[in-house]
């Protein structure tokens, strides 16, 4: 009984189960929740996440992207290269959204978290190509120089996230599948499209 109700020093603590009528969970929370009363459930947690998570992920994503762009600007010393990196990253995210739609994958909290992982992990492929092109000035040379590196990094990262995609928890599985798919798209675009885009874009402007 001490796990359900307790009286100590003039204070009372009680634990119980409340079963709301279908569709009335939010109204029940609003009517019961108060000082010293806490009503918790997976449903209320989901509603709270829907209100706070998208806003927080947007702020964190923008801050992360701004930091990456600043570092790239200091390293490459070229606004054109940073602009090309931004275009490449946007193309990766756009292709990821299209691929998820074709595969019937739904967006959720864990998919949004996967975008942060992609910004922190997959962008390395584009950075390697940009640095290689800056040194050699030739798209084919830059592609050959880092083809094996990007292939190994991409496949090893995909293998790890794909394994996570087999998890029984739907959220973790969605995160793993989204990251694996995003890394594949990022690696392909960085290796086969970005070098030629550098050849045209960085020398034409």
Foldseek 3Di string as FASTA:
>chain_A
DVVAWDADPNDIDGDDDDDDDPPCPVVVCVVQDDVPDDDDDPVVVQVVCVVPQVVVLVVVVVVLLVVVLVVCCVVVVDPLLSVLLVVLLVVLVVVLVVVCVVVVHDDDSLLSVLNVVCSVQLSVLLVQLSVLCSVVVALVRSLVVCVVVLVVSLVVLLVVLCVLLPDPDNSSVSSSVSNSSSSVSSSCCSRPPSSVCCNCRVVVD
